[in-house]
Amino acid sequence: MIFRTLPSVPVLLLAALGMTVAAAPLHAQDSRPGIAVWEFESGGSYGDGALDTELLGVGIQQQLATEFAQNPAIRVVERSQIRDILAELDLAAEGRVDPNTAAQAGRLVGARYMILGSFIDLSGQMQMNARIVDVETSEVLHGLTVRDSRDELFSLVSELASRVTEEVDLPPLPEGVQEARQEREIPAEAMTLYARALLYEDQGERALAVETYERITRDFPQYTEAQDALDQLASGPF
């Protein structure tokens, strides 16, 4: 999904501040640096066996946030908070977000860093590009690129999380945690299904979300994030 740059960010931010002020004390109590991940933009999939990448950007966004959440030194902004800010600021599905706009949104969700990214699949070779935006200054601190076989998509996301952590001088994951996660075999199809389930949740289609998560847990049992999502749905309001 691609977003347009805000025509008048300061005015819209003032309107949005009312929605987020109540959350500010929670951020103040947690001194860990906050990281927010923007939905990754799709550059498409080309060649034999091309993927349907329409939803994959959401899957990468959520999976990258999940990887950051494994690190106790990082506070991760939930995707739902980012989605609410986008709606409040009326960021439409046209145009392209820039670092300044991302930084403004990042401030509203209490993030220290905002991660912008894109991906492209060329005949089974996946490449992901990411920019680390300093929310305080709107400066792009680093640009990162990781690439590998499409079959290693999950490991690529994990590698990207590790690279981001390293570039902003945060403590790494506890020894052995990253290696254990990267050893899981999670195909791109599983992440695409996961993104579809997330969007069903966004749309209030709880039954379809449950059905999709259950399919993931059945077909891709190593993708434990789907079971976690199922458990969360079961414990939430009906």
C-alpha atoms as a PDB file:
ATOM      1  CA  MET A   1       0.000   0.000   0.000  1.00  0.00           C
ATOM      2  CA  ILE A   2       1.355   3.453  -0.928  1.00  0.00           C
ATOM      3  CA  PHE A   3       0.408   6.664   0.824  1.00  0.00           C
ATOM      4  CA  ARG A   4       0.358  10.292  -0.292  1.00  0.00           C
ATOM      5  CA  THR A   5       2.323  12.990   1.536  1.00  0.00           C
ATOM      6  CA  LEU A   6       0.206  15.116   3.824  1.00  0.00           C
ATOM      7  CA  PRO A   7      -0.739  18.524   2.358  1.00  0.00           C
ATOM      8  CA  SER A   8      -0.662  20.215   5.754  1.00  0.00           C
ATOM      9  CA  VAL A   9       0.831  17.972   8.403  1.00  0.00           C
ATOM     10  CA  PRO A  10       0.875  20.439  11.348  1.00  0.00           C
ATOM     11  CA  VAL A  11      -2.878  21.156  11.140  1.00  0.00           C
ATOM     12  CA  LEU A  12      -3.792  17.487  10.956  1.00  0.00           C
ATOM     13  CA  LEU A  13      -1.397  16.629  13.742  1.00  0.00           C
ATOM     14  CA  LEU A  14      -3.136  19.032  16.091  1.00  0.00           C
ATOM     15  CA  ALA A  15      -6.408  17.236  15.442  1.00  0.00           C
ATOM     16  CA  ALA A  16      -4.785  13.846  15.990  1.00  0.00           C
ATOM     17  CA  LEU A  17      -3.045  14.842  19.192  1.00  0.00           C
ATOM     18  CA  GLY A  18      -6.323  14.730  21.085  1.00  0.00           C
ATOM     19  CA  MET A  19      -6.618  11.032  20.270  1.00  0.00           C
ATOM     20  CA  THR A  20      -3.117  10.181  21.491  1.00  0.00           C
ATOM     21  CA  VAL A  21      -2.579  12.342  24.552  1.00  0.00           C
ATOM     22  CA  ALA A  22      -4.110   9.694  26.824  1.00  0.00           C
ATOM     23  CA  ALA A  23      -1.444   7.186  25.746  1.00  0.00           C
ATOM     24  CA  ALA A  24       1.464   9.546  26.456  1.00  0.00           C
ATOM     25  CA  PRO A  25       1.899   8.579  30.140  1.00  0.00           C
ATOM     26  CA  LEU A  26       2.319   4.942  29.109  1.00  0.00           C
ATOM     27  CA  HIS A  27       5.150   5.920  26.785  1.00  0.00           C
ATOM     28  CA  ALA A  28       6.691   8.072  29.488  1.00  0.00           C
ATOM     29  CA  GLN A  29       6.771   5.138  31.886  1.00  0.00           C
ATOM     30  CA  ASP A  30       8.602   2.933  29.382  1.00  0.00           C
ATOM     31  CA  SER A  31      12.082   4.308  28.730  1.00  0.00           C
ATOM     32  CA  ARG A  32      12.929   1.769  26.034  1.00  0.00           C
ATOM     33  CA  PRO A  33      13.277   3.208  22.517  1.00  0.00           C
ATOM     34  CA  GLY A  34      10.096   2.664  20.525  1.00  0.00           C
ATOM     35  CA  ILE A  35      10.138   1.277  16.991  1.00  0.00           C
ATOM     36  CA  ALA A  36       7.218   1.495  14.578  1.00  0.00           C
ATOM     37  CA  VAL A  37       7.094  -0.354  11.250  1.00  0.00           C
ATOM     38  CA  TRP A  38       5.275   1.073   8.241  1.00  0.00           C
ATOM     39  CA  GLU A  39       3.594  -1.265   5.774  1.00  0.00           C
ATOM     40  CA  PHE A  40       6.168  -2.358   3.187  1.00  0.00           C
ATOM     41  CA  GLU A  41       5.573  -1.262  -0.394  1.00  0.00           C
ATOM     42  CA  SER A  42       5.393  -3.963  -3.053  1.00  0.00           C
ATOM     43  CA  GLY A  43       7.605  -3.677  -6.097  1.00  0.00           C
ATOM     44  CA  GLY A  44       5.868  -6.705  -7.584  1.00  0.00           C
ATOM     45  CA  SER A  45       6.775 -10.298  -8.356  1.00  0.00           C
ATOM     46  CA  TYR A  46       8.159 -11.329 -11.727  1.00  0.00           C
ATOM     47  CA  GLY A  47       9.200 -14.506 -13.508  1.00  0.00           C
ATOM     48  CA  ASP A  48       8.075 -18.090 -13.173  1.00  0.00           C
ATOM     49  CA  GLY A  49       5.880 -18.821 -10.177  1.00  0.00           C
ATOM     50  CA  ALA A  50       5.227 -15.137  -9.469  1.00  0.00           C
ATOM     51  CA  LEU A  51       3.640 -14.367  -6.114  1.00  0.00           C
ATOM     52  CA  ASP A  52       0.498 -12.404  -5.424  1.00  0.00           C
ATOM     53  CA  THR A  53       2.202  -9.604  -3.489  1.00  0.00           C
ATOM     54  CA  GLU A  54      -0.868  -7.437  -2.872  1.00  0.00           C
ATOM     55  CA  LEU A  55      -1.000  -8.362   0.813  1.00  0.00           C
ATOM     56  CA  LEU A  56       2.594  -9.358   1.463  1.00  0.00           C
ATOM     57  CA  GLY A  57       3.609  -5.854   2.556  1.00  0.00           C
ATOM     58  CA  VAL A  58       1.281  -6.141   5.557  1.00  0.00           C
ATOM     59  CA  GLY A  59       2.696  -9.563   6.390  1.00  0.00           C
ATOM     60  CA  ILE A  60       6.268  -8.260   6.306  1.00  0.00           C
ATOM     61  CA  GLN A  61       5.270  -5.239   8.398  1.00  0.00           C
ATOM     62  CA  GLN A  62       3.729  -7.383  11.122  1.00  0.00           C
ATOM     63  CA  GLN A  63       6.452 -10.032  11.044  1.00  0.00           C
ATOM     64  CA  LEU A  64       9.205  -7.426  11.318  1.00  0.00           C
ATOM     65  CA  ALA A  65       7.419  -5.883  14.304  1.00  0.00           C
ATOM     66  CA  THR A  66       7.145  -9.369  15.825  1.00  0.00           C
ATOM     67  CA  GLU A  67      10.877  -9.893  15.394  1.00  0.00           C
ATOM     68  CA  PHE A  68      11.607  -6.610  17.167  1.00  0.00           C
ATOM     69  CA  ALA A  69       9.241  -7.648  19.955  1.00  0.00           C
ATOM     70  CA  GLN A  70      11.504 -10.622  20.744  1.00  0.00           C
ATOM     71  CA  ASN A  71      14.077  -8.109  21.983  1.00  0.00           C
ATOM     72  CA  PRO A  72      13.412  -6.941  25.553  1.00  0.00           C
ATOM     73  CA  ALA A  73      15.447  -3.772  24.886  1.00  0.00           C
ATOM     74  CA  ILE A  74      12.865  -2.498  22.363  1.00  0.00           C
ATOM     75  CA  ARG A  75       9.309  -1.225  22.757  1.00  0.00           C
ATOM     76  CA  VAL A  76       7.338  -2.047  19.615  1.00  0.00           C
ATOM     77  CA  VAL A  77       4.412   0.098  18.493  1.00  0.00           C
ATOM     78  CA  GLU A  78       1.458  -2.102  17.582  1.00  0.00           C
ATOM     79  CA  ARG A  79       0.258  -2.102  13.989  1.00  0.00           C
ATOM     80  CA  SER A  80      -3.241  -1.144  15.134  1.00  0.00           C
ATOM     81  CA  GLN A  81      -1.903   2.101  16.609  1.00  0.00           C
ATOM     82  CA  ILE A  82      -0.214   2.977  13.320  1.00  0.00           C
ATOM     83  CA  ARG A  83      -3.393   2.137  11.420  1.00  0.00           C
ATOM     84  CA  ASP A  84      -5.442   4.396  13.695  1.00  0.00           C
ATOM     85  CA  ILE A  85      -3.035   7.283  13.178  1.00  0.00           C
ATOM     86  CA  LEU A  86      -3.184   6.841   9.404  1.00  0.00           C
ATOM     87  CA  ALA A  87      -6.970   6.966   9.557  1.00  0.00           C
ATOM     88  CA  GLU A  88      -6.960   9.991  11.870  1.00  0.00           C
ATOM     89  CA  LEU A  89      -4.568  11.883   9.607  1.00  0.00           C
ATOM     90  CA  ASP A  90      -6.550  10.823   6.527  1.00  0.00           C
ATOM     91  CA  LEU A  91      -3.588   9.274   4.762  1.00  0.00           C
ATOM     92  CA  ALA A  92      -5.199   7.877   1.623  1.00  0.00           C
ATOM     93  CA  ALA A  93      -4.027   4.965  -0.481  1.00  0.00           C
ATOM     94  CA  GLU A  94      -2.592   7.257  -3.135  1.00  0.00           C
ATOM     95  CA  GLY A  95       0.791   8.957  -3.293  1.00  0.00           C
ATOM     96  CA  ARG A  96       3.995   8.130  -1.438  1.00  0.00           C
ATOM     97  CA  VAL A  97       4.938   8.632   2.179  1.00  0.00           C
ATOM     98  CA  ASP A  98       8.122  10.579   2.857  1.00  0.00           C
ATOM     99  CA  PRO A  99      10.408  10.479   5.921  1.00  0.00           C
ATOM    100  CA  ASN A 100       8.947  13.718   7.293  1.00  0.00           C
ATOM    101  CA  THR A 101       5.389  12.367   7.221  1.00  0.00           C
ATOM    102  CA  ALA A 102       6.542   9.072   8.723  1.00  0.00           C
ATOM    103  CA  ALA A 103       8.348  10.942  11.489  1.00  0.00           C
ATOM    104  CA  GLN A 104       5.257  13.000  12.292  1.00  0.00           C
ATOM    105  CA  ALA A 105       3.168   9.831  12.567  1.00  0.00           C
ATOM    106  CA  GLY A 106       5.932   8.216  14.604  1.00  0.00           C
ATOM    107  CA  ARG A 107       5.822  11.010  17.166  1.00  0.00           C
ATOM    108  CA  LEU A 108       2.109  10.490  17.620  1.00  0.00           C
ATOM    109  CA  VAL A 109       2.565   6.814  18.486  1.00  0.00           C
ATOM    110  CA  GLY A 110       5.541   7.461  20.746  1.00  0.00           C
ATOM    111  CA  ALA A 111       8.158   5.883  18.481  1.00  0.00           C
ATOM    112  CA  ARG A 112      11.851   6.787  18.439  1.00  0.00           C
ATOM    113  CA  TYR A 113      12.428   5.159  15.051  1.00  0.00           C
ATOM    114  CA  MET A 114      10.125   4.539  12.101  1.00  0.00           C
ATOM    115  CA  ILE A 115      10.995   1.791   9.625  1.00  0.00           C
ATOM    116  CA  LEU A 116       9.962   2.347   5.994  1.00  0.00           C
ATOM    117  CA  GLY A 117      10.499  -0.415   3.479  1.00  0.00           C
ATOM    118  CA  SER A 118       9.812  -2.042   0.143  1.00  0.00           C
ATOM    119  CA  PHE A 119      10.325  -5.427  -1.467  1.00  0.00           C
ATOM    120  CA  ILE A 120      10.529  -7.009  -4.891  1.00  0.00           C
ATOM    121  CA  ASP A 121      10.606 -10.626  -6.081  1.00  0.00           C
ATOM    122  CA  LEU A 122      12.585 -11.391  -9.249  1.00  0.00           C
ATOM    123  CA  SER A 123      12.252 -14.990 -10.386  1.00  0.00           C
ATOM    124  CA  GLY A 124      12.273 -16.308  -6.843  1.00  0.00           C
ATOM    125  CA  GLN A 125      14.937 -13.942  -5.531  1.00  0.00           C
ATOM    126  CA  MET A 126      13.509 -11.644  -2.864  1.00  0.00           C
ATOM    127  CA  GLN A 127      15.009  -8.269  -2.039  1.00  0.00           C
ATOM    128  CA  MET A 128      13.915  -6.037   0.830  1.00  0.00           C
ATOM    129  CA  ASN A 129      14.990  -2.442   1.287  1.00  0.00           C
ATOM    130  CA  ALA A 130      14.467  -0.494   4.491  1.00  0.00           C
ATOM    131  CA  ARG A 131      15.084   3.030   5.742  1.00  0.00           C
ATOM    132  CA  ILE A 132      15.453   3.909   9.405  1.00  0.00           C
ATOM    133  CA  VAL A 133      13.900   7.308  10.102  1.00  0.00           C
ATOM    134  CA  ASP A 134      14.844   9.228  13.241  1.00  0.00           C
ATOM    135  CA  VAL A 135      11.443  10.412  14.467  1.00  0.00           C
ATOM    136  CA  GLU A 136      12.934  13.359  16.354  1.00  0.00           C
ATOM    137  CA  THR A 137      14.747  14.853  13.356  1.00  0.00           C
ATOM    138  CA  SER A 138      12.968  13.259  10.335  1.00  0.00           C
ATOM    139  CA  GLU A 139      16.444  12.236   9.154  1.00  0.00           C
ATOM    140  CA  VAL A 140      16.994   8.937   7.367  1.00  0.00           C
ATOM    141  CA  LEU A 141      19.730   7.413   9.493  1.00  0.00           C
ATOM    142  CA  HIS A 142      20.454   4.300   7.463  1.00  0.00           C
ATOM    143  CA  GLY A 143      19.386   2.470   4.339  1.00  0.00           C
ATOM    144  CA  LEU A 144      19.536  -1.321   4.416  1.00  0.00           C
ATOM    145  CA  THR A 145      19.135  -4.059   1.810  1.00  0.00           C
ATOM    146  CA  VAL A 146      18.800  -7.792   2.348  1.00  0.00           C
ATOM    147  CA  ARG A 147      18.260 -10.386  -0.376  1.00  0.00           C
ATOM    148  CA  ASP A 148      17.948 -14.141  -0.655  1.00  0.00           C
ATOM    149  CA  SER A 149      15.761 -16.829  -2.144  1.00  0.00           C
ATOM    150  CA  ARG A 150      12.014 -16.291  -1.798  1.00  0.00           C
ATOM    151  CA  ASP A 151      11.990 -19.531   0.212  1.00  0.00           C
ATOM    152  CA  GLU A 152      14.082 -17.732   2.849  1.00  0.00           C
ATOM    153  CA  LEU A 153      11.663 -14.811   3.210  1.00  0.00           C
ATOM    154  CA  PHE A 154      11.096 -15.395   6.907  1.00  0.00           C
ATOM    155  CA  SER A 155      14.831 -15.526   7.585  1.00  0.00           C
ATOM    156  CA  LEU A 156      15.259 -12.335   5.556  1.00  0.00           C
ATOM    157  CA  VAL A 157      12.794 -10.514   7.812  1.00  0.00           C
ATOM    158  CA  SER A 158      14.645 -11.786  10.872  1.00  0.00           C
ATOM    159  CA  GLU A 159      17.957 -10.699   9.372  1.00  0.00           C
ATOM    160  CA  LEU A 160      16.552  -7.250   8.615  1.00  0.00           C
ATOM    161  CA  ALA A 161      15.396  -6.853  12.222  1.00  0.00           C
ATOM    162  CA  SER A 162      18.875  -7.763  13.414  1.00  0.00           C
ATOM    163  CA  ARG A 163      20.486  -5.277  11.008  1.00  0.00           C
ATOM    164  CA  VAL A 164      18.187  -2.457  12.121  1.00  0.00           C
ATOM    165  CA  THR A 165      18.926  -3.191  15.779  1.00  0.00           C
ATOM    166  CA  GLU A 166      22.641  -3.102  15.074  1.00  0.00           C
ATOM    167  CA  GLU A 167      22.498   0.153  13.095  1.00  0.00           C
ATOM    168  CA  VAL A 168      20.739   2.077  15.876  1.00  0.00           C
ATOM    169  CA  ASP A 169      23.097   0.656  18.519  1.00  0.00           C
ATOM    170  CA  LEU A 170      20.511  -1.298  20.479  1.00  0.00           C
ATOM    171  CA  PRO A 171      21.381  -4.488  22.363  1.00  0.00           C
ATOM    172  CA  PRO A 172      21.052  -7.603  20.183  1.00  0.00           C
ATOM    173  CA  LEU A 173      18.605 -10.414  20.816  1.00  0.00           C
ATOM    174  CA  PRO A 174      19.572 -12.754  23.627  1.00  0.00           C
ATOM    175  CA  GLU A 175      22.037 -15.393  22.473  1.00  0.00           C
ATOM    176  CA  GLY A 176      20.382 -18.234  20.615  1.00  0.00           C
ATOM    177  CA  VAL A 177      16.978 -16.571  20.155  1.00  0.00           C
ATOM    178  CA  GLN A 178      17.604 -15.251  16.648  1.00  0.00           C
ATOM    179  CA  GLU A 179      19.217 -18.491  15.508  1.00  0.00           C
ATOM    180  CA  ALA A 180      16.270 -20.514  16.783  1.00  0.00           C
ATOM    181  CA  ARG A 181      13.765 -18.294  14.979  1.00  0.00           C
ATOM    182  CA  GLN A 182      15.681 -18.327  11.703  1.00  0.00           C
ATOM    183  CA  GLU A 183      15.802 -22.112  11.723  1.00  0.00           C
ATOM    184  CA  ARG A 184      12.043 -22.276  11.232  1.00  0.00           C
ATOM    185  CA  GLU A 185      10.907 -22.962   7.668  1.00  0.00           C
ATOM    186  CA  ILE A 186       8.173 -20.413   6.959  1.00  0.00           C
ATOM    187  CA  PRO A 187       7.293 -20.007   3.238  1.00  0.00           C
ATOM    188  CA  ALA A 188       6.099 -16.770   1.693  1.00  0.00           C
ATOM    189  CA  GLU A 189       2.633 -18.307   1.274  1.00  0.00           C
ATOM    190  CA  ALA A 190       2.258 -18.555   5.050  1.00  0.00           C
ATOM    191  CA  MET A 191       3.165 -14.901   5.514  1.00  0.00           C
ATOM    192  CA  THR A 192       0.706 -13.876   2.783  1.00  0.00           C
ATOM    193  CA  LEU A 193      -2.069 -15.841   4.485  1.00  0.00           C
ATOM    194  CA  TYR A 194      -1.099 -14.225   7.787  1.00  0.00           C
ATOM    195  CA  ALA A 195      -1.465 -10.797   6.179  1.00  0.00           C
ATOM    196  CA  ARG A 196      -4.911 -11.765   4.871  1.00  0.00           C
ATOM    197  CA  ALA A 197      -5.992 -12.808   8.366  1.00  0.00           C
ATOM    198  CA  LEU A 198      -4.734  -9.500   9.764  1.00  0.00           C
ATOM    199  CA  LEU A 199      -6.766  -7.580   7.202  1.00  0.00           C
ATOM    200  CA  TYR A 200      -9.848  -9.638   8.048  1.00  0.00           C
ATOM    201  CA  GLU A 201      -9.330  -8.554  11.647  1.00  0.00           C
ATOM    202  CA  ASP A 202      -8.987  -4.921  10.555  1.00  0.00           C
ATOM    203  CA  GLN A 203     -12.311  -5.198   8.715  1.00  0.00           C
ATOM    204  CA  GLY A 204     -14.079  -6.813  11.668  1.00  0.00           C
ATOM    205  CA  GLU A 205     -14.418 -10.140   9.840  1.00  0.00           C
ATOM    206  CA  ARG A 206     -13.614 -12.229  12.897  1.00  0.00           C
ATOM    207  CA  ALA A 207     -14.864 -15.574  11.560  1.00  0.00           C
ATOM    208  CA  LEU A 208     -12.771 -15.250   8.392  1.00  0.00           C
ATOM    209  CA  ALA A 209      -9.735 -14.249  10.431  1.00  0.00           C
ATOM    210  CA  VAL A 210     -10.137 -17.293  12.673  1.00  0.00           C
ATOM    211  CA  GLU A 211     -10.595 -19.569   9.668  1.00  0.00           C
ATOM    212  CA  THR A 212      -7.423 -18.222   8.036  1.00  0.00           C
ATOM    213  CA  TYR A 213      -5.325 -18.451  11.188  1.00  0.00           C
ATOM    214  CA  GLU A 214      -6.529 -22.035  11.677  1.00  0.00           C
ATOM    215  CA  ARG A 215      -5.487 -22.869   8.121  1.00  0.00           C
ATOM    216  CA  ILE A 216      -2.009 -21.484   8.809  1.00  0.00           C
ATOM    217  CA  THR A 217      -1.624 -23.466  12.024  1.00  0.00           C
ATOM    218  CA  ARG A 218      -2.715 -26.613  10.175  1.00  0.00           C
ATOM    219  CA  ASP A 219      -0.606 -26.180   7.021  1.00  0.00           C
ATOM    220  CA  PHE A 220       2.386 -24.352   8.512  1.00  0.00           C
ATOM    221  CA  PRO A 221       2.636 -25.471  12.171  1.00  0.00           C
ATOM    222  CA  GLN A 222       6.034 -23.825  12.650  1.00  0.00           C
ATOM    223  CA  TYR A 223       4.428 -20.425  12.107  1.00  0.00           C
ATOM    224  CA  THR A 224       3.467 -20.089  15.752  1.00  0.00           C
ATOM    225  CA  GLU A 225       2.486 -16.429  15.330  1.00  0.00           C
ATOM    226  CA  ALA A 226      -0.815 -17.634  13.833  1.00  0.00           C
ATOM    227  CA  GLN A 227      -1.613 -19.660  16.953  1.00  0.00           C
ATOM    228  CA  ASP A 228      -0.744 -16.654  19.111  1.00  0.00           C
ATOM    229  CA  ALA A 229      -3.174 -14.558  17.057  1.00  0.00           C
ATOM    230  CA  LEU A 230      -5.857 -17.213  17.467  1.00  0.00           C
ATOM    231  CA  ASP A 231      -5.361 -17.236  21.231  1.00  0.00           C
ATOM    232  CA  GLN A 232      -5.605 -13.467  21.333  1.00  0.00           C
ATOM    233  CA  LEU A 233      -8.847 -13.511  19.357  1.00  0.00           C
ATOM    234  CA  ALA A 234     -10.276 -16.168  21.655  1.00  0.00           C
ATOM    235  CA  SER A 235      -9.510 -14.074  24.728  1.00  0.00           C
ATOM    236  CA  GLY A 236     -10.903 -10.860  23.236  1.00  0.00           C
ATOM    237  CA  PRO A 237     -14.478  -9.578  23.008  1.00  0.00           C
ATOM    238  CA  PHE A 238     -16.807 -11.357  20.597  1.00  0.00           C
END
